[in-house]
Amino acid sequence: MFRELTDVEMKSTKGGEIITIAVVMAVLATAIVAVIVYRLFMSREGTATIPGGFKFTWDD
């Protein structure tokens, strides 16, 4: 299953994939929140329920 890496294999190993995935996920989460906030502020009336039981209603 597992084997010990040689010195050459250890030196050629590069990291950074996790950072890239984290950045992509953060950008996607920010974009989703931006769209939701935009739709909330630009709509004349509506409701929103946030986890935790918070409910918001706005009317024109």
PDB file of N, CA and C in Angstrom:
ATOM      1  N   MET A   1       0.808  -1.193   0.000  1.00  0.00           N
ATOM      2  CA  MET A   1       0.000   0.000   0.000  1.00  0.00           C
ATOM      3  C   MET A   1       0.856   1.263   0.000  1.00  0.00           C
ATOM      4  N   PHE A   2       1.469   1.543   1.116  1.00  0.00           N
ATOM      5  CA  PHE A   2       2.301   2.733   1.220  1.00  0.00           C
ATOM      6  C   PHE A   2       3.760   2.328   1.118  1.00  0.00           C
ATOM      7  N   ARG A   3       4.543   3.231   0.571  1.00  0.00           N
ATOM      8  CA  ARG A   3       5.973   2.986   0.535  1.00  0.00           C
ATOM      9  C   ARG A   3       6.684   4.301   0.824  1.00  0.00           C
ATOM     10  N   GLU A   4       7.879   4.208   1.305  1.00  0.00           N
ATOM     11  CA  GLU A   4       8.659   5.387   1.643  1.00  0.00           C
ATOM     12  C   GLU A   4       9.213   6.009   0.360  1.00  0.00           C
ATOM     13  N   LEU A   5       9.154   7.329   0.274  1.00  0.00           N
ATOM     14  CA  LEU A   5       9.653   8.026  -0.905  1.00  0.00           C
ATOM     15  C   LEU A   5      11.168   8.158  -0.831  1.00  0.00           C
ATOM     16  N   THR A   6      11.782   8.151  -1.989  1.00  0.00           N
ATOM     17  CA  THR A   6      13.219   8.396  -2.047  1.00  0.00           C
ATOM     18  C   THR A   6      13.464   9.896  -1.937  1.00  0.00           C
ATOM     19  N   ASP A   7      14.723  10.276  -1.742  1.00  0.00           N
ATOM     20  CA  ASP A   7      15.059  11.697  -1.638  1.00  0.00           C
ATOM     21  C   ASP A   7      14.691  12.447  -2.919  1.00  0.00           C
ATOM     22  N   VAL A   8      14.909  11.838  -4.065  1.00  0.00           N
ATOM     23  CA  VAL A   8      14.581  12.483  -5.342  1.00  0.00           C
ATOM     24  C   VAL A   8      13.074  12.679  -5.465  1.00  0.00           C
ATOM     25  N   GLU A   9      12.298  11.681  -5.070  1.00  0.00           N
ATOM     26  CA  GLU A   9      10.837  11.791  -5.141  1.00  0.00           C
ATOM     27  C   GLU A   9      10.312  12.859  -4.177  1.00  0.00           C
ATOM     28  N   MET A  10      10.915  12.931  -2.994  1.00  0.00           N
ATOM     29  CA  MET A  10      10.478  13.940  -2.020  1.00  0.00           C
ATOM     30  C   MET A  10      10.783  15.353  -2.518  1.00  0.00           C
ATOM     31  N   LYS A  11      11.942  15.541  -3.169  1.00  0.00           N
ATOM     32  CA  LYS A  11      12.310  16.861  -3.675  1.00  0.00           C
ATOM     33  C   LYS A  11      11.439  17.273  -4.862  1.00  0.00           C
ATOM     34  N   SER A  12      10.931  16.301  -5.616  1.00  0.00           N
ATOM     35  CA  SER A  12      10.115  16.634  -6.787  1.00  0.00           C
ATOM     36  C   SER A  12       8.637  16.811  -6.441  1.00  0.00           C
ATOM     37  N   THR A  13       8.267  16.504  -5.205  1.00  0.00           N
ATOM     38  CA  THR A  13       6.876  16.656  -4.790  1.00  0.00           C
ATOM     39  C   THR A  13       6.570  18.128  -4.583  1.00  0.00           C
ATOM     40  N   LYS A  14       5.468  18.570  -5.200  1.00  0.00           N
ATOM     41  CA  LYS A  14       5.079  19.967  -5.078  1.00  0.00           C
ATOM     42  C   LYS A  14       3.685  20.043  -4.477  1.00  0.00           C
ATOM     43  N   GLY A  15       3.464  21.009  -3.641  1.00  0.00           N
ATOM     44  CA  GLY A  15       2.146  21.230  -3.039  1.00  0.00           C
ATOM     45  C   GLY A  15       1.471  22.417  -3.704  1.00  0.00           C
ATOM     46  N   GLY A  16       0.325  22.768  -3.188  1.00  0.00           N
ATOM     47  CA  GLY A  16      -0.348  23.945  -3.701  1.00  0.00           C
ATOM     48  C   GLY A  16      -1.719  23.655  -4.267  1.00  0.00           C
ATOM     49  N   GLU A  17      -2.032  22.383  -4.493  1.00  0.00           N
ATOM     50  CA  GLU A  17      -3.345  22.066  -5.043  1.00  0.00           C
ATOM     51  C   GLU A  17      -4.445  22.426  -4.059  1.00  0.00           C
ATOM     52  N   ILE A  18      -4.203  22.210  -2.790  1.00  0.00           N
ATOM     53  CA  ILE A  18      -5.207  22.501  -1.767  1.00  0.00           C
ATOM     54  C   ILE A  18      -5.472  23.998  -1.699  1.00  0.00           C
ATOM     55  N   ILE A  19      -4.431  24.795  -1.813  1.00  0.00           N
ATOM     56  CA  ILE A  19      -4.606  26.246  -1.792  1.00  0.00           C
ATOM     57  C   ILE A  19      -5.435  26.680  -2.994  1.00  0.00           C
ATOM     58  N   THR A  20      -5.181  26.101  -4.146  1.00  0.00           N
ATOM     59  CA  THR A  20      -5.932  26.442  -5.346  1.00  0.00           C
ATOM     60  C   THR A  20      -7.403  26.090  -5.181  1.00  0.00           C
ATOM     61  N   ILE A  21      -7.689  24.915  -4.668  1.00  0.00           N
ATOM     62  CA  ILE A  21      -9.077  24.503  -4.457  1.00  0.00           C
ATOM     63  C   ILE A  21      -9.751  25.426  -3.442  1.00  0.00           C
ATOM     64  N   ALA A  22      -9.046  25.790  -2.386  1.00  0.00           N
ATOM     65  CA  ALA A  22      -9.609  26.677  -1.370  1.00  0.00           C
ATOM     66  C   ALA A  22      -9.932  28.049  -1.953  1.00  0.00           C
ATOM     67  N   VAL A  23      -9.065  28.555  -2.804  1.00  0.00           N
ATOM     68  CA  VAL A  23      -9.307  29.862  -3.430  1.00  0.00           C
ATOM     69  C   VAL A  23     -10.510  29.790  -4.363  1.00  0.00           C
ATOM     70  N   VAL A  24     -10.597  28.732  -5.148  1.00  0.00           N
ATOM     71  CA  VAL A  24     -11.740  28.581  -6.059  1.00  0.00           C
ATOM     72  C   VAL A  24     -13.038  28.493  -5.266  1.00  0.00           C
ATOM     73  N   MET A  25     -13.059  27.723  -4.188  1.00  0.00           N
ATOM     74  CA  MET A  25     -14.264  27.604  -3.364  1.00  0.00           C
ATOM     75  C   MET A  25     -14.624  28.931  -2.716  1.00  0.00           C
ATOM     76  N   ALA A  26     -13.630  29.691  -2.268  1.00  0.00           N
ATOM     77  CA  ALA A  26     -13.897  30.998  -1.655  1.00  0.00           C
ATOM     78  C   ALA A  26     -14.474  31.965  -2.678  1.00  0.00           C
ATOM     79  N   VAL A  27     -13.959  31.950  -3.897  1.00  0.00           N
ATOM     80  CA  VAL A  27     -14.476  32.829  -4.948  1.00  0.00           C
ATOM     81  C   VAL A  27     -15.913  32.437  -5.296  1.00  0.00           C
ATOM     82  N   LEU A  28     -16.183  31.154  -5.395  1.00  0.00           N
ATOM     83  CA  LEU A  28     -17.547  30.705  -5.684  1.00  0.00           C
ATOM     84  C   LEU A  28     -18.513  31.090  -4.571  1.00  0.00           C
ATOM     85  N   ALA A  29     -18.114  30.908  -3.331  1.00  0.00           N
ATOM     86  CA  ALA A  29     -18.971  31.275  -2.208  1.00  0.00           C
ATOM     87  C   ALA A  29     -19.237  32.777  -2.201  1.00  0.00           C
ATOM     88  N   THR A  30     -18.223  33.575  -2.474  1.00  0.00           N
ATOM     89  CA  THR A  30     -18.390  35.022  -2.536  1.00  0.00           C
ATOM     90  C   THR A  30     -19.327  35.417  -3.665  1.00  0.00           C
ATOM     91  N   ALA A  31     -19.206  34.775  -4.807  1.00  0.00           N
ATOM     92  CA  ALA A  31     -20.089  35.076  -5.939  1.00  0.00           C
ATOM     93  C   ALA A  31     -21.533  34.726  -5.620  1.00  0.00           C
ATOM     94  N   ILE A  32     -21.751  33.599  -4.974  1.00  0.00           N
ATOM     95  CA  ILE A  32     -23.112  33.208  -4.615  1.00  0.00           C
ATOM     96  C   ILE A  32     -23.724  34.195  -3.628  1.00  0.00           C
ATOM     97  N   VAL A  33     -22.958  34.587  -2.620  1.00  0.00           N
ATOM     98  CA  VAL A  33     -23.449  35.564  -1.648  1.00  0.00           C
ATOM     99  C   VAL A  33     -23.729  36.898  -2.328  1.00  0.00           C
ATOM    100  N   ALA A  34     -22.877  37.310  -3.249  1.00  0.00           N
ATOM    101  CA  ALA A  34     -23.083  38.578  -3.958  1.00  0.00           C
ATOM    102  C   ALA A  34     -24.376  38.547  -4.767  1.00  0.00           C
ATOM    103  N   VAL A  35     -24.649  37.437  -5.427  1.00  0.00           N
ATOM    104  CA  VAL A  35     -25.889  37.323  -6.211  1.00  0.00           C
ATOM    105  C   VAL A  35     -27.101  37.366  -5.292  1.00  0.00           C
ATOM    106  N   ILE A  36     -27.044  36.670  -4.171  1.00  0.00           N
ATOM    107  CA  ILE A  36     -28.173  36.675  -3.238  1.00  0.00           C
ATOM    108  C   ILE A  36     -28.412  38.070  -2.677  1.00  0.00           C
ATOM    109  N   VAL A  37     -27.359  38.740  -2.265  1.00  0.00           N
ATOM    110  CA  VAL A  37     -27.500  40.093  -1.725  1.00  0.00           C
ATOM    111  C   VAL A  37     -28.026  41.045  -2.791  1.00  0.00           C
ATOM    112  N   TYR A  38     -27.553  40.933  -4.014  1.00  0.00           N
ATOM    113  CA  TYR A  38     -28.032  41.779  -5.101  1.00  0.00           C
ATOM    114  C   TYR A  38     -29.521  41.570  -5.323  1.00  0.00           C
ATOM    115  N   ARG A  39     -29.927  40.323  -5.366  1.00  0.00           N
ATOM    116  CA  ARG A  39     -31.349  40.030  -5.594  1.00  0.00           C
ATOM    117  C   ARG A  39     -32.196  40.530  -4.433  1.00  0.00           C
ATOM    118  N   LEU A  40     -31.695  40.442  -3.208  1.00  0.00           N
ATOM    119  CA  LEU A  40     -32.450  40.946  -2.062  1.00  0.00           C
ATOM    120  C   LEU A  40     -32.637  42.451  -2.129  1.00  0.00           C
ATOM    121  N   PHE A  41     -31.578  43.166  -2.469  1.00  0.00           N
ATOM    122  CA  PHE A  41     -31.656  44.621  -2.480  1.00  0.00           C
ATOM    123  C   PHE A  41     -32.375  45.170  -3.708  1.00  0.00           C
ATOM    124  N   MET A  42     -32.365  44.447  -4.802  1.00  0.00           N
ATOM    125  CA  MET A  42     -32.981  44.953  -6.021  1.00  0.00           C
ATOM    126  C   MET A  42     -34.452  44.561  -6.156  1.00  0.00           C
ATOM    127  N   SER A  43     -34.941  43.619  -5.346  1.00  0.00           N
ATOM    128  CA  SER A  43     -36.337  43.219  -5.450  1.00  0.00           C
ATOM    129  C   SER A  43     -37.206  44.176  -4.635  1.00  0.00           C
ATOM    130  N   ARG A  44     -38.418  44.396  -5.116  1.00  0.00           N
ATOM    131  CA  ARG A  44     -39.332  45.310  -4.428  1.00  0.00           C
ATOM    132  C   ARG A  44     -39.962  44.658  -3.215  1.00  0.00           C
ATOM    133  N   GLU A  45     -40.205  43.374  -3.272  1.00  0.00           N
ATOM    134  CA  GLU A  45     -40.780  42.677  -2.127  1.00  0.00           C
ATOM    135  C   GLU A  45     -40.331  41.231  -2.139  1.00  0.00           C
ATOM    136  N   GLY A  46     -40.363  40.629  -0.974  1.00  0.00           N
ATOM    137  CA  GLY A  46     -39.962  39.236  -0.900  1.00  0.00           C
ATOM    138  C   GLY A  46     -39.745  38.807   0.530  1.00  0.00           C
ATOM    139  N   THR A  47     -39.306  37.576   0.669  1.00  0.00           N
ATOM    140  CA  THR A  47     -39.004  37.030   1.984  1.00  0.00           C
ATOM    141  C   THR A  47     -37.694  36.258   1.903  1.00  0.00           C
ATOM    142  N   ALA A  48     -37.073  36.138   3.029  1.00  0.00           N
ATOM    143  CA  ALA A  48     -35.842  35.350   3.118  1.00  0.00           C
ATOM    144  C   ALA A  48     -35.813  34.664   4.470  1.00  0.00           C
ATOM    145  N   THR A  49     -35.453  33.395   4.484  1.00  0.00           N
ATOM    146  CA  THR A  49     -35.309  32.640   5.721  1.00  0.00           C
ATOM    147  C   THR A  49     -33.871  32.162   5.817  1.00  0.00           C
ATOM    148  N   ILE A  50     -33.242  32.530   6.901  1.00  0.00           N
ATOM    149  CA  ILE A  50     -31.843  32.180   7.131  1.00  0.00           C
ATOM    150  C   ILE A  50     -31.808  31.096   8.200  1.00  0.00           C
ATOM    151  N   PRO A  51     -30.913  30.124   8.074  1.00  0.00           N
ATOM    152  CA  PRO A  51     -30.840  29.085   9.104  1.00  0.00           C
ATOM    153  C   PRO A  51     -30.710  29.692  10.496  1.00  0.00           C
ATOM    154  N   GLY A  52     -31.422  29.107  11.421  1.00  0.00           N
ATOM    155  CA  GLY A  52     -31.452  29.640  12.785  1.00  0.00           C
ATOM    156  C   GLY A  52     -32.807  30.232  13.088  1.00  0.00           C
ATOM    157  N   GLY A  53     -33.710  30.193  12.106  1.00  0.00           N
ATOM    158  CA  GLY A  53     -35.068  30.681  12.330  1.00  0.00           C
ATOM    159  C   GLY A  53     -35.275  32.159  12.049  1.00  0.00           C
ATOM    160  N   PHE A  54     -34.301  32.834  11.473  1.00  0.00           N
ATOM    161  CA  PHE A  54     -34.460  34.251  11.163  1.00  0.00           C
ATOM    162  C   PHE A  54     -35.239  34.392   9.856  1.00  0.00           C
ATOM    163  N   LYS A  55     -36.321  35.172   9.905  1.00  0.00           N
ATOM    164  CA  LYS A  55     -37.131  35.402   8.718  1.00  0.00           C
ATOM    165  C   LYS A  55     -37.206  36.902   8.448  1.00  0.00           C
ATOM    166  N   PHE A  56     -37.002  37.273   7.209  1.00  0.00           N
ATOM    167  CA  PHE A  56     -37.071  38.674   6.801  1.00  0.00           C
ATOM    168  C   PHE A  56     -38.125  38.815   5.721  1.00  0.00           C
ATOM    169  N   THR A  57     -38.941  39.827   5.842  1.00  0.00           N
ATOM    170  CA  THR A  57     -39.968  40.130   4.848  1.00  0.00           C
ATOM    171  C   THR A  57     -39.900  41.617   4.542  1.00  0.00           C
ATOM    172  N   TRP A  58     -39.961  41.953   3.261  1.00  0.00           N
ATOM    173  CA  TRP A  58     -39.969  43.355   2.899  1.00  0.00           C
ATOM    174  C   TRP A  58     -41.009  43.565   1.805  1.00  0.00           C
ATOM    175  N   ASP A  59     -41.706  44.677   1.922  1.00  0.00           N
ATOM    176  CA  ASP A  59     -42.753  45.030   0.964  1.00  0.00           C
ATOM    177  C   ASP A  59     -42.497  46.431   0.445  1.00  0.00           C
ATOM    178  N   ASP A  60     -43.022  46.684  -0.721  1.00  0.00           N
ATOM    179  CA  ASP A  60     -42.859  48.009  -1.318  1.00  0.00           C
ATOM    180  C   ASP A  60     -43.931  48.936  -0.831  1.00  0.00           C
TER     181      ASP A  60
END
